[in-house]
PDB file of all heavy atoms in Angstrom:
ATOM      1  N   ALA A   1      13.662  -9.947  -6.153  1.00  0.00           N
ATOM      2  CA  ALA A   1      13.594 -11.011  -5.162  1.00  0.00           C
ATOM      3  C   ALA A   1      13.131 -10.475  -3.809  1.00  0.00           C
ATOM      4  O   ALA A   1      12.440 -11.177  -3.066  1.00  0.00           O
ATOM      5  CB  ALA A   1      14.939 -11.707  -5.031  1.00  0.00           C
ATOM      6  N   ASN A   2      13.516  -9.253  -3.476  1.00  0.00           N
ATOM      7  CA  ASN A   2      13.061  -8.644  -2.233  1.00  0.00           C
ATOM      8  C   ASN A   2      12.243  -7.380  -2.477  1.00  0.00           C
ATOM      9  O   ASN A   2      11.994  -6.612  -1.545  1.00  0.00           O
ATOM     10  CB  ASN A   2      14.223  -8.358  -1.291  1.00  0.00           C
ATOM     11  CG  ASN A   2      15.257  -7.420  -1.875  1.00  0.00           C
ATOM     12  OD1 ASN A   2      15.094  -6.908  -2.990  1.00  0.00           O
ATOM     13  ND2 ASN A   2      16.320  -7.176  -1.127  1.00  0.00           N
ATOM     14  N   ASN A   3      11.832  -7.168  -3.727  1.00  0.00           N
ATOM     15  CA  ASN A   3      10.959  -6.060  -4.103  1.00  0.00           C
ATOM     16  C   ASN A   3      11.531  -4.721  -3.646  1.00  0.00           C
ATOM     17  O   ASN A   3      10.845  -3.920  -3.002  1.00  0.00           O
ATOM     18  CB  ASN A   3       9.553  -6.270  -3.536  1.00  0.00           C
ATOM     19  CG  ASN A   3       8.480  -5.585  -4.365  1.00  0.00           C
ATOM     20  OD1 ASN A   3       8.769  -4.830  -5.287  1.00  0.00           O
ATOM     21  ND2 ASN A   3       7.225  -5.839  -4.026  1.00  0.00           N
ATOM     22  N   THR A   4      12.779  -4.474  -4.007  1.00  0.00           N
ATOM     23  CA  THR A   4      13.466  -3.248  -3.641  1.00  0.00           C
ATOM     24  C   THR A   4      13.912  -2.507  -4.896  1.00  0.00           C
ATOM     25  O   THR A   4      14.447  -3.114  -5.825  1.00  0.00           O
ATOM     26  CB  THR A   4      14.679  -3.536  -2.749  1.00  0.00           C
ATOM     27  OG1 THR A   4      14.245  -4.211  -1.563  1.00  0.00           O
ATOM     28  CG2 THR A   4      15.384  -2.246  -2.353  1.00  0.00           C
ATOM     29  N   VAL A   5      13.692  -1.203  -4.914  1.00  0.00           N
ATOM     30  CA  VAL A   5      14.107  -0.334  -6.004  1.00  0.00           C
ATOM     31  C   VAL A   5      15.191   0.606  -5.487  1.00  0.00           C
ATOM     32  O   VAL A   5      15.099   1.107  -4.366  1.00  0.00           O
ATOM     33  CB  VAL A   5      12.920   0.461  -6.565  1.00  0.00           C
ATOM     34  CG1 VAL A   5      13.373   1.389  -7.682  1.00  0.00           C
ATOM     35  CG2 VAL A   5      11.851  -0.490  -7.089  1.00  0.00           C
ATOM     36  N   TYR A   6      16.210   0.838  -6.310  1.00  0.00           N
ATOM     37  CA  TYR A   6      17.344   1.655  -5.918  1.00  0.00           C
ATOM     38  C   TYR A   6      17.489   2.851  -6.842  1.00  0.00           C
ATOM     39  O   TYR A   6      17.106   2.812  -8.010  1.00  0.00           O
ATOM     40  CB  TYR A   6      18.646   0.845  -5.957  1.00  0.00           C
ATOM     41  CG  TYR A   6      18.615  -0.407  -5.121  1.00  0.00           C
ATOM     42  CD1 TYR A   6      18.291  -1.638  -5.692  1.00  0.00           C
ATOM     43  CD2 TYR A   6      18.906  -0.364  -3.764  1.00  0.00           C
ATOM     44  CE1 TYR A   6      18.259  -2.783  -4.928  1.00  0.00           C
ATOM     45  CE2 TYR A   6      18.876  -1.508  -2.996  1.00  0.00           C
ATOM     46  CZ  TYR A   6      18.555  -2.716  -3.584  1.00  0.00           C
ATOM     47  OH  TYR A   6      18.526  -3.857  -2.815  1.00  0.00           O
ATOM     48  N   LEU A   7      18.073   3.909  -6.309  1.00  0.00           N
ATOM     49  CA  LEU A   7      18.486   5.052  -7.107  1.00  0.00           C
ATOM     50  C   LEU A   7      19.921   5.376  -6.733  1.00  0.00           C
ATOM     51  O   LEU A   7      20.180   5.905  -5.652  1.00  0.00           O
ATOM     52  CB  LEU A   7      17.587   6.265  -6.873  1.00  0.00           C
ATOM     53  CG  LEU A   7      17.871   7.472  -7.771  1.00  0.00           C
ATOM     54  CD1 LEU A   7      17.496   7.161  -9.220  1.00  0.00           C
ATOM     55  CD2 LEU A   7      17.129   8.711  -7.282  1.00  0.00           C
ATOM     56  N   GLN A   8      20.846   5.016  -7.615  1.00  0.00           N
ATOM     57  CA  GLN A   8      22.255   5.337  -7.419  1.00  0.00           C
ATOM     58  C   GLN A   8      22.502   6.728  -7.974  1.00  0.00           C
ATOM     59  O   GLN A   8      22.270   6.972  -9.158  1.00  0.00           O
ATOM     60  CB  GLN A   8      23.148   4.317  -8.126  1.00  0.00           C
ATOM     61  CG  GLN A   8      24.639   4.600  -8.017  1.00  0.00           C
ATOM     62  CD  GLN A   8      25.153   4.476  -6.603  1.00  0.00           C
ATOM     63  OE1 GLN A   8      24.835   3.508  -5.923  1.00  0.00           O
ATOM     64  NE2 GLN A   8      25.933   5.440  -6.153  1.00  0.00           N
ATOM     65  N   MET A   9      22.964   7.639  -7.128  1.00  0.00           N
ATOM     66  CA  MET A   9      23.166   9.029  -7.499  1.00  0.00           C
ATOM     67  C   MET A   9      24.647   9.354  -7.409  1.00  0.00           C
ATOM     68  O   MET A   9      25.229   9.329  -6.325  1.00  0.00           O
ATOM     69  CB  MET A   9      22.354   9.954  -6.590  1.00  0.00           C
ATOM     70  CG  MET A   9      20.869   9.628  -6.545  1.00  0.00           C
ATOM     71  SD  MET A   9      19.915  10.823  -5.567  1.00  0.00           S
ATOM     72  CE  MET A   9      20.583  10.474  -3.940  1.00  0.00           C
ATOM     73  N   ASN A  10      25.249   9.650  -8.549  1.00  0.00           N
ATOM     74  CA  ASN A  10      26.657  10.004  -8.625  1.00  0.00           C
ATOM     75  C   ASN A  10      26.808  11.443  -9.093  1.00  0.00           C
ATOM     76  O   ASN A  10      25.893  12.034  -9.655  1.00  0.00           O
ATOM     77  CB  ASN A  10      27.392   9.069  -9.586  1.00  0.00           C
ATOM     78  CG  ASN A  10      27.389   7.629  -9.150  1.00  0.00           C
ATOM     79  OD1 ASN A  10      27.393   7.328  -7.959  1.00  0.00           O
ATOM     80  ND2 ASN A  10      27.388   6.711 -10.121  1.00  0.00           N
ATOM     81  N   SER A  11      27.993  12.001  -8.878  1.00  0.00           N
ATOM     82  CA  SER A  11      28.302  13.367  -9.298  1.00  0.00           C
ATOM     83  C   SER A  11      27.220  14.337  -8.852  1.00  0.00           C
ATOM     84  O   SER A  11      26.731  15.161  -9.628  1.00  0.00           O
ATOM     85  CB  SER A  11      28.488  13.425 -10.822  1.00  0.00           C
ATOM     86  OG  SER A  11      29.525  12.561 -11.243  1.00  0.00           O
ATOM     87  N   LEU A  12      26.859  14.260  -7.595  1.00  0.00           N
ATOM     88  CA  LEU A  12      25.762  15.066  -7.070  1.00  0.00           C
ATOM     89  C   LEU A  12      26.085  16.551  -7.121  1.00  0.00           C
ATOM     90  O   LEU A  12      27.230  16.969  -6.922  1.00  0.00           O
ATOM     91  CB  LEU A  12      25.431  14.641  -5.647  1.00  0.00           C
ATOM     92  CG  LEU A  12      24.618  13.346  -5.552  1.00  0.00           C
ATOM     93  CD1 LEU A  12      24.705  12.760  -4.148  1.00  0.00           C
ATOM     94  CD2 LEU A  12      23.166  13.603  -5.949  1.00  0.00           C
ATOM     95  N   LYS A  13      25.049  17.340  -7.387  1.00  0.00           N
ATOM     96  CA  LYS A  13      25.144  18.786  -7.478  1.00  0.00           C
ATOM     97  C   LYS A  13      24.234  19.427  -6.441  1.00  0.00           C
ATOM     98  O   LYS A  13      23.250  18.826  -6.023  1.00  0.00           O
ATOM     99  CB  LYS A  13      24.718  19.259  -8.878  1.00  0.00           C
ATOM    100  CG  LYS A  13      25.474  18.618 -10.023  1.00  0.00           C
ATOM    101  CD  LYS A  13      24.877  19.049 -11.354  1.00  0.00           C
ATOM    102  CE  LYS A  13      25.606  18.405 -12.519  1.00  0.00           C
ATOM    103  NZ  LYS A  13      25.006  18.806 -13.823  1.00  0.00           N
ATOM    104  N   PRO A  14      24.526  20.662  -6.030  1.00  0.00           N
ATOM    105  CA  PRO A  14      23.637  21.326  -5.075  1.00  0.00           C
ATOM    106  C   PRO A  14      22.188  21.379  -5.543  1.00  0.00           C
ATOM    107  O   PRO A  14      21.276  21.303  -4.709  1.00  0.00           O
ATOM    108  CB  PRO A  14      24.247  22.724  -4.946  1.00  0.00           C
ATOM    109  CG  PRO A  14      25.701  22.512  -5.203  1.00  0.00           C
ATOM    110  CD  PRO A  14      25.756  21.452  -6.270  1.00  0.00           C
ATOM    111  N   GLU A  15      21.961  21.499  -6.837  1.00  0.00           N
ATOM    112  CA  GLU A  15      20.602  21.549  -7.346  1.00  0.00           C
ATOM    113  C   GLU A  15      19.857  20.221  -7.240  1.00  0.00           C
ATOM    114  O   GLU A  15      18.659  20.153  -7.522  1.00  0.00           O
ATOM    115  CB  GLU A  15      20.567  22.046  -8.798  1.00  0.00           C
ATOM    116  CG  GLU A  15      21.524  21.316  -9.716  1.00  0.00           C
ATOM    117  CD  GLU A  15      22.829  22.066  -9.921  1.00  0.00           C
ATOM    118  OE1 GLU A  15      23.406  22.545  -8.921  1.00  0.00           O
ATOM    119  OE2 GLU A  15      23.272  22.173 -11.085  1.00  0.00           O
ATOM    120  N   ASP A  16      20.554  19.149  -6.847  1.00  0.00           N
ATOM    121  CA  ASP A  16      19.901  17.879  -6.573  1.00  0.00           C
ATOM    122  C   ASP A  16      19.273  17.848  -5.183  1.00  0.00           C
ATOM    123  O   ASP A  16      18.573  16.883  -4.850  1.00  0.00           O
ATOM    124  CB  ASP A  16      20.890  16.715  -6.694  1.00  0.00           C
ATOM    125  CG  ASP A  16      21.410  16.536  -8.114  1.00  0.00           C
ATOM    126  OD1 ASP A  16      20.608  16.632  -9.062  1.00  0.00           O
ATOM    127  OD2 ASP A  16      22.625  16.282  -8.265  1.00  0.00           O
ATOM    128  N   THR A  17      19.522  18.853  -4.369  1.00  0.00           N
ATOM    129  CA  THR A  17      18.973  18.899  -3.013  1.00  0.00           C
ATOM    130  C   THR A  17      17.452  18.910  -3.056  1.00  0.00           C
ATOM    131  O   THR A  17      16.845  19.759  -3.713  1.00  0.00           O
ATOM    132  CB  THR A  17      19.490  20.134  -2.269  1.00  0.00           C
ATOM    133  OG1 THR A  17      20.909  20.033  -2.113  1.00  0.00           O
ATOM    134  CG2 THR A  17      18.845  20.246  -0.897  1.00  0.00           C
ATOM    135  N   ALA A  18      16.836  17.968  -2.361  1.00  0.00           N
ATOM    136  CA  ALA A  18      15.384  17.834  -2.359  1.00  0.00           C
ATOM    137  C   ALA A  18      14.995  16.689  -1.436  1.00  0.00           C
ATOM    138  O   ALA A  18      15.850  15.923  -0.976  1.00  0.00           O
ATOM    139  CB  ALA A  18      14.855  17.559  -3.773  1.00  0.00           C
ATOM    140  N   VAL A  19      13.699  16.579  -1.180  1.00  0.00           N
ATOM    141  CA  VAL A  19      13.157  15.368  -0.581  1.00  0.00           C
ATOM    142  C   VAL A  19      12.848  14.411  -1.716  1.00  0.00           C
ATOM    143  O   VAL A  19      12.161  14.776  -2.675  1.00  0.00           O
ATOM    144  CB  VAL A  19      11.899  15.648   0.254  1.00  0.00           C
ATOM    145  CG1 VAL A  19      11.318  14.345   0.800  1.00  0.00           C
ATOM    146  CG2 VAL A  19      12.223  16.600   1.399  1.00  0.00           C
ATOM    147  N   TYR A  20      13.350  13.206  -1.616  1.00  0.00           N
ATOM    148  CA  TYR A  20      13.168  12.199  -2.653  1.00  0.00           C
ATOM    149  C   TYR A  20      12.111  11.197  -2.210  1.00  0.00           C
ATOM    150  O   TYR A  20      12.153  10.683  -1.093  1.00  0.00           O
ATOM    151  CB  TYR A  20      14.485  11.478  -2.950  1.00  0.00           C
ATOM    152  CG  TYR A  20      15.424  12.296  -3.794  1.00  0.00           C
ATOM    153  CD1 TYR A  20      16.038  13.434  -3.272  1.00  0.00           C
ATOM    154  CD2 TYR A  20      15.694  11.950  -5.117  1.00  0.00           C
ATOM    155  CE1 TYR A  20      16.886  14.205  -4.054  1.00  0.00           C
ATOM    156  CE2 TYR A  20      16.543  12.714  -5.897  1.00  0.00           C
ATOM    157  CZ  TYR A  20      17.135  13.838  -5.365  1.00  0.00           C
ATOM    158  OH  TYR A  20      17.981  14.597  -6.141  1.00  0.00           O
ATOM    159  N   TYR A  21      11.163  10.938  -3.094  1.00  0.00           N
ATOM    160  CA  TYR A  21      10.055  10.033  -2.813  1.00  0.00           C
ATOM    161  C   TYR A  21      10.067   8.850  -3.764  1.00  0.00           C
ATOM    162  O   TYR A  21      10.278   9.013  -4.969  1.00  0.00           O
ATOM    163  CB  TYR A  21       8.707  10.753  -2.973  1.00  0.00           C
ATOM    164  CG  TYR A  21       8.495  11.907  -2.031  1.00  0.00           C
ATOM    165  CD1 TYR A  21       8.872  13.194  -2.396  1.00  0.00           C
ATOM    166  CD2 TYR A  21       7.911  11.714  -0.787  1.00  0.00           C
ATOM    167  CE1 TYR A  21       8.676  14.259  -1.539  1.00  0.00           C
ATOM    168  CE2 TYR A  21       7.705  12.777   0.068  1.00  0.00           C
ATOM    169  CZ  TYR A  21       8.090  14.047  -0.311  1.00  0.00           C
ATOM    170  OH  TYR A  21       7.887  15.109   0.539  1.00  0.00           O
ATOM    171  N   CYS A  22       9.798   7.685  -3.229  1.00  0.00           N
ATOM    172  CA  CYS A  22       9.550   6.495  -4.020  1.00  0.00           C
ATOM    173  C   CYS A  22       8.048   6.353  -4.228  1.00  0.00           C
ATOM    174  O   CYS A  22       7.262   6.676  -3.334  1.00  0.00           O
ATOM    175  CB  CYS A  22      10.114   5.274  -3.293  1.00  0.00           C
ATOM    176  SG  CYS A  22       9.854   3.704  -4.122  1.00  0.00           S
ATOM    177  N   ALA A  23       7.642   5.897  -5.399  1.00  0.00           N
ATOM    178  CA  ALA A  23       6.230   5.703  -5.687  1.00  0.00           C
ATOM    179  C   ALA A  23       6.013   4.414  -6.459  1.00  0.00           C
ATOM    180  O   ALA A  23       6.873   3.986  -7.234  1.00  0.00           O
ATOM    181  CB  ALA A  23       5.675   6.885  -6.480  1.00  0.00           C
ATOM    182  N   SER A  24       4.848   3.829  -6.246  1.00  0.00           N
ATOM    183  CA  SER A  24       4.457   2.585  -6.891  1.00  0.00           C
ATOM    184  C   SER A  24       3.242   2.820  -7.772  1.00  0.00           C
ATOM    185  O   SER A  24       2.306   3.507  -7.370  1.00  0.00           O
ATOM    186  CB  SER A  24       4.143   1.529  -5.823  1.00  0.00           C
ATOM    187  OG  SER A  24       3.641   0.344  -6.401  1.00  0.00           O
ATOM    188  N   ALA A  25       3.255   2.250  -8.979  1.00  0.00           N
ATOM    189  CA  ALA A  25       2.125   2.348  -9.878  1.00  0.00           C
ATOM    190  C   ALA A  25       1.042   1.359  -9.496  1.00  0.00           C
ATOM    191  O   ALA A  25       1.278   0.401  -8.754  1.00  0.00           O
ATOM    192  CB  ALA A  25       2.574   2.114 -11.323  1.00  0.00           C
ATOM    193  N   ARG A  26      -0.152   1.571 -10.038  1.00  0.00           N
ATOM    194  CA  ARG A  26      -1.266   0.700  -9.695  1.00  0.00           C
ATOM    195  C   ARG A  26      -1.282  -0.597 -10.484  1.00  0.00           C
ATOM    196  O   ARG A  26      -2.052  -1.503 -10.156  1.00  0.00           O
ATOM    197  CB  ARG A  26      -2.600   1.438  -9.889  1.00  0.00           C
ATOM    198  CG  ARG A  26      -2.907   1.819 -11.329  1.00  0.00           C
ATOM    199  CD  ARG A  26      -4.194   2.614 -11.396  1.00  0.00           C
ATOM    200  NE  ARG A  26      -4.512   3.033 -12.750  1.00  0.00           N
ATOM    201  CZ  ARG A  26      -5.495   3.858 -13.061  1.00  0.00           C
ATOM    202  NH1 ARG A  26      -6.263   4.365 -12.099  1.00  0.00           N
ATOM    203  NH2 ARG A  26      -5.714   4.180 -14.329  1.00  0.00           N
ATOM    204  N   ASP A  27      -0.435  -0.693 -11.508  1.00  0.00           N
ATOM    205  CA  ASP A  27      -0.374  -1.896 -12.320  1.00  0.00           C
ATOM    206  C   ASP A  27       0.994  -1.999 -12.975  1.00  0.00           C
ATOM    207  O   ASP A  27       1.906  -1.233 -12.660  1.00  0.00           O
ATOM    208  CB  ASP A  27      -1.501  -1.922 -13.359  1.00  0.00           C
ATOM    209  CG  ASP A  27      -1.565  -0.659 -14.192  1.00  0.00           C
ATOM    210  OD1 ASP A  27      -0.500  -0.115 -14.537  1.00  0.00           O
ATOM    211  OD2 ASP A  27      -2.679  -0.199 -14.492  1.00  0.00           O
ATOM    212  N   THR A  28       1.137  -2.938 -13.885  1.00  0.00           N
ATOM    213  CA  THR A  28       2.419  -3.181 -14.544  1.00  0.00           C
ATOM    214  C   THR A  28       2.648  -2.309 -15.768  1.00  0.00           C
ATOM    215  O   THR A  28       3.712  -2.405 -16.390  1.00  0.00           O
ATOM    216  CB  THR A  28       2.543  -4.655 -14.961  1.00  0.00           C
ATOM    217  OG1 THR A  28       1.489  -4.983 -15.871  1.00  0.00           O
ATOM    218  CG2 THR A  28       2.471  -5.576 -13.748  1.00  0.00           C
ATOM    219  N   ASN A  29       1.688  -1.483 -16.146  1.00  0.00           N
ATOM    220  CA  ASN A  29       1.848  -0.639 -17.318  1.00  0.00           C
ATOM    221  C   ASN A  29       2.990   0.349 -17.133  1.00  0.00           C
ATOM    222  O   ASN A  29       3.180   0.920 -16.060  1.00  0.00           O
ATOM    223  CB  ASN A  29       0.555   0.117 -17.613  1.00  0.00           C
ATOM    224  CG  ASN A  29      -0.558  -0.791 -18.083  1.00  0.00           C
ATOM    225  OD1 ASN A  29      -0.315  -1.892 -18.576  1.00  0.00           O
ATOM    226  ND2 ASN A  29      -1.789  -0.336 -17.934  1.00  0.00           N
ATOM    227  N   TRP A  30       3.757   0.571 -18.182  1.00  0.00           N
ATOM    228  CA  TRP A  30       4.861   1.517 -18.194  1.00  0.00           C
ATOM    229  C   TRP A  30       4.805   2.321 -19.480  1.00  0.00           C
ATOM    230  O   TRP A  30       4.360   1.841 -20.517  1.00  0.00           O
ATOM    231  CB  TRP A  30       6.194   0.776 -18.079  1.00  0.00           C
ATOM    232  CG  TRP A  30       7.377   1.694 -17.974  1.00  0.00           C
ATOM    233  CD1 TRP A  30       7.928   2.192 -16.838  1.00  0.00           C
ATOM    234  CD2 TRP A  30       8.141   2.231 -19.062  1.00  0.00           C
ATOM    235  NE1 TRP A  30       8.996   3.012 -17.144  1.00  0.00           N
ATOM    236  CE2 TRP A  30       9.150   3.042 -18.497  1.00  0.00           C
ATOM    237  CE3 TRP A  30       8.072   2.098 -20.449  1.00  0.00           C
ATOM    238  CZ2 TRP A  30      10.078   3.728 -19.276  1.00  0.00           C
ATOM    239  CZ3 TRP A  30       9.000   2.780 -21.232  1.00  0.00           C
ATOM    240  CH2 TRP A  30       9.984   3.574 -20.647  1.00  0.00           C
ATOM    241  N   SER A  31       5.273   3.552 -19.423  1.00  0.00           N
ATOM    242  CA  SER A  31       5.292   4.426 -20.577  1.00  0.00           C
ATOM    243  C   SER A  31       6.565   5.247 -20.575  1.00  0.00           C
ATOM    244  O   SER A  31       7.056   5.631 -19.508  1.00  0.00           O
ATOM    245  CB  SER A  31       4.079   5.366 -20.562  1.00  0.00           C
ATOM    246  OG  SER A  31       4.181   6.345 -21.581  1.00  0.00           O
ATOM    247  N   PRO A  32       7.124   5.529 -21.763  1.00  0.00           N
ATOM    248  CA  PRO A  32       8.271   6.446 -21.813  1.00  0.00           C
ATOM    249  C   PRO A  32       7.898   7.872 -21.451  1.00  0.00           C
ATOM    250  O   PRO A  32       8.790   8.703 -21.254  1.00  0.00           O
ATOM    251  CB  PRO A  32       8.739   6.331 -23.269  1.00  0.00           C
ATOM    252  CG  PRO A  32       7.531   5.903 -24.020  1.00  0.00           C
ATOM    253  CD  PRO A  32       6.782   5.003 -23.095  1.00  0.00           C
ATOM    254  N   GLU A  33       6.614   8.178 -21.398  1.00  0.00           N
ATOM    255  CA  GLU A  33       6.130   9.452 -20.897  1.00  0.00           C
ATOM    256  C   GLU A  33       5.691   9.243 -19.450  1.00  0.00           C
ATOM    257  O   GLU A  33       4.635   8.662 -19.199  1.00  0.00           O
ATOM    258  CB  GLU A  33       4.963   9.950 -21.741  1.00  0.00           C
ATOM    259  CG  GLU A  33       4.325  11.237 -21.215  1.00  0.00           C
ATOM    260  CD  GLU A  33       5.343  12.326 -20.996  1.00  0.00           C
ATOM    261  OE1 GLU A  33       6.025  12.713 -21.976  1.00  0.00           O
ATOM    262  OE2 GLU A  33       5.468  12.790 -19.843  1.00  0.00           O
ATOM    263  N   PRO A  34       6.473   9.709 -18.478  1.00  0.00           N
ATOM    264  CA  PRO A  34       6.184   9.351 -17.078  1.00  0.00           C
ATOM    265  C   PRO A  34       4.842   9.850 -16.572  1.00  0.00           C
ATOM    266  O   PRO A  34       4.269   9.232 -15.670  1.00  0.00           O
ATOM    267  CB  PRO A  34       7.346   9.992 -16.302  1.00  0.00           C
ATOM    268  CG  PRO A  34       7.885  11.045 -17.213  1.00  0.00           C
ATOM    269  CD  PRO A  34       7.685  10.513 -18.601  1.00  0.00           C
ATOM    270  N   SER A  35       4.314  10.930 -17.148  1.00  0.00           N
ATOM    271  CA  SER A  35       3.026  11.442 -16.695  1.00  0.00           C
ATOM    272  C   SER A  35       1.880  10.497 -17.017  1.00  0.00           C
ATOM    273  O   SER A  35       0.790  10.642 -16.456  1.00  0.00           O
ATOM    274  CB  SER A  35       2.748  12.812 -17.315  1.00  0.00           C
ATOM    275  OG  SER A  35       2.625  12.725 -18.719  1.00  0.00           O
ATOM    276  N   ARG A  36       2.100   9.531 -17.886  1.00  0.00           N
ATOM    277  CA  ARG A  36       1.054   8.578 -18.247  1.00  0.00           C
ATOM    278  C   ARG A  36       1.047   7.348 -17.340  1.00  0.00           C
ATOM    279  O   ARG A  36       0.178   6.485 -17.505  1.00  0.00           O
ATOM    280  CB  ARG A  36       1.211   8.147 -19.700  1.00  0.00           C
ATOM    281  CG  ARG A  36       1.093   9.295 -20.700  1.00  0.00           C
ATOM    282  CD  ARG A  36       1.028   8.806 -22.122  1.00  0.00           C
ATOM    283  NE  ARG A  36      -0.184   8.037 -22.372  1.00  0.00           N
ATOM    284  CZ  ARG A  36      -0.474   7.465 -23.535  1.00  0.00           C
ATOM    285  NH1 ARG A  36       0.368   7.572 -24.557  1.00  0.00           N
ATOM    286  NH2 ARG A  36      -1.600   6.779 -23.672  1.00  0.00           N
ATOM    287  N   ILE A  37       1.972   7.260 -16.404  1.00  0.00           N
ATOM    288  CA  ILE A  37       1.986   6.167 -15.449  1.00  0.00           C
ATOM    289  C   ILE A  37       1.187   6.580 -14.220  1.00  0.00           C
ATOM    290  O   ILE A  37       1.389   7.674 -13.677  1.00  0.00           O
ATOM    291  CB  ILE A  37       3.422   5.788 -15.042  1.00  0.00           C
ATOM    292  CG1 ILE A  37       4.244   5.428 -16.285  1.00  0.00           C
ATOM    293  CG2 ILE A  37       3.415   4.630 -14.049  1.00  0.00           C
ATOM    294  CD1 ILE A  37       5.708   5.162 -15.996  1.00  0.00           C
ATOM    295  N   SER A  38       0.299   5.721 -13.774  1.00  0.00           N
ATOM    296  CA  SER A  38      -0.587   6.030 -12.647  1.00  0.00           C
ATOM    297  C   SER A  38       0.065   5.610 -11.336  1.00  0.00           C
ATOM    298  O   SER A  38      -0.149   4.505 -10.845  1.00  0.00           O
ATOM    299  CB  SER A  38      -1.935   5.344 -12.823  1.00  0.00           C
ATOM    300  OG  SER A  38      -2.592   5.794 -13.993  1.00  0.00           O
ATOM    301  N   PHE A  39       0.860   6.504 -10.773  1.00  0.00           N
ATOM    302  CA  PHE A  39       1.463   6.255  -9.464  1.00  0.00           C
ATOM    303  C   PHE A  39       0.446   6.591  -8.382  1.00  0.00           C
ATOM    304  O   PHE A  39      -0.050   7.721  -8.320  1.00  0.00           O
ATOM    305  CB  PHE A  39       2.731   7.087  -9.279  1.00  0.00           C
ATOM    306  CG  PHE A  39       3.845   6.689 -10.194  1.00  0.00           C
ATOM    307  CD1 PHE A  39       4.115   7.410 -11.344  1.00  0.00           C
ATOM    308  CD2 PHE A  39       4.621   5.577  -9.905  1.00  0.00           C
ATOM    309  CE1 PHE A  39       5.139   7.034 -12.194  1.00  0.00           C
ATOM    310  CE2 PHE A  39       5.648   5.187 -10.750  1.00  0.00           C
ATOM    311  CZ  PHE A  39       5.911   5.924 -11.900  1.00  0.00           C
ATOM    312  N   ASN A  40       0.142   5.637  -7.532  1.00  0.00           N
ATOM    313  CA  ASN A  40      -0.917   5.832  -6.546  1.00  0.00           C
ATOM    314  C   ASN A  40      -0.511   5.529  -5.111  1.00  0.00           C
ATOM    315  O   ASN A  40      -1.322   5.711  -4.197  1.00  0.00           O
ATOM    316  CB  ASN A  40      -2.149   5.001  -6.917  1.00  0.00           C
ATOM    317  CG  ASN A  40      -1.910   3.511  -6.848  1.00  0.00           C
ATOM    318  OD1 ASN A  40      -0.765   3.048  -6.852  1.00  0.00           O
ATOM    319  ND2 ASN A  40      -2.991   2.743  -6.786  1.00  0.00           N
ATOM    320  N   THR A  41       0.700   5.072  -4.889  1.00  0.00           N
ATOM    321  CA  THR A  41       1.191   4.817  -3.543  1.00  0.00           C
ATOM    322  C   THR A  41       2.548   5.482  -3.384  1.00  0.00           C
ATOM    323  O   THR A  41       3.424   5.320  -4.237  1.00  0.00           O
ATOM    324  CB  THR A  41       1.302   3.314  -3.249  1.00  0.00           C
ATOM    325  OG1 THR A  41       0.031   2.686  -3.447  1.00  0.00           O
ATOM    326  CG2 THR A  41       1.752   3.076  -1.816  1.00  0.00           C
ATOM    327  N   TRP A  42       2.731   6.218  -2.278  1.00  0.00           N
ATOM    328  CA  TRP A  42       3.922   7.026  -2.080  1.00  0.00           C
ATOM    329  C   TRP A  42       4.557   6.744  -0.734  1.00  0.00           C
ATOM    330  O   TRP A  42       3.860   6.530   0.260  1.00  0.00           O
ATOM    331  CB  TRP A  42       3.582   8.517  -2.167  1.00  0.00           C
ATOM    332  CG  TRP A  42       3.079   8.911  -3.514  1.00  0.00           C
ATOM    333  CD1 TRP A  42       1.816   8.733  -3.997  1.00  0.00           C
ATOM    334  CD2 TRP A  42       3.827   9.535  -4.553  1.00  0.00           C
ATOM    335  NE1 TRP A  42       1.735   9.213  -5.288  1.00  0.00           N
ATOM    336  CE2 TRP A  42       2.950   9.710  -5.651  1.00  0.00           C
ATOM    337  CE3 TRP A  42       5.146   9.966  -4.665  1.00  0.00           C
ATOM    338  CZ2 TRP A  42       3.366  10.300  -6.845  1.00  0.00           C
ATOM    339  CZ3 TRP A  42       5.565  10.546  -5.846  1.00  0.00           C
ATOM    340  CH2 TRP A  42       4.675  10.709  -6.924  1.00  0.00           C
ATOM    341  N   GLY A  43       5.884   6.757  -0.703  1.00  0.00           N
ATOM    342  CA  GLY A  43       6.599   6.660   0.552  1.00  0.00           C
ATOM    343  C   GLY A  43       6.630   7.985   1.280  1.00  0.00           C
ATOM    344  O   GLY A  43       6.121   9.003   0.806  1.00  0.00           O
ATOM    345  N   GLN A  44       7.248   7.987   2.454  1.00  0.00           N
ATOM    346  CA  GLN A  44       7.310   9.181   3.288  1.00  0.00           C
ATOM    347  C   GLN A  44       8.366  10.182   2.832  1.00  0.00           C
ATOM    348  O   GLN A  44       8.302  11.351   3.200  1.00  0.00           O
ATOM    349  CB  GLN A  44       7.572   8.793   4.740  1.00  0.00           C
ATOM    350  CG  GLN A  44       6.416   8.067   5.410  1.00  0.00           C
ATOM    351  CD  GLN A  44       5.224   8.959   5.599  1.00  0.00           C
ATOM    352  OE1 GLN A  44       4.258   8.909   4.831  1.00  0.00           O
ATOM    353  NE2 GLN A  44       5.272   9.801   6.618  1.00  0.00           N
TER     354      GLN A  44
END
């Protein structure tokens, strides 16, 4: 409804430390193999 995607992160570990980026694909296609999805727009 407001075009928002969430990532709920529980039981966080030190190895989860990173910069996290949101990305949008160029179309509605989805694959269980993430490398086959064409993400072309990235947040900061």
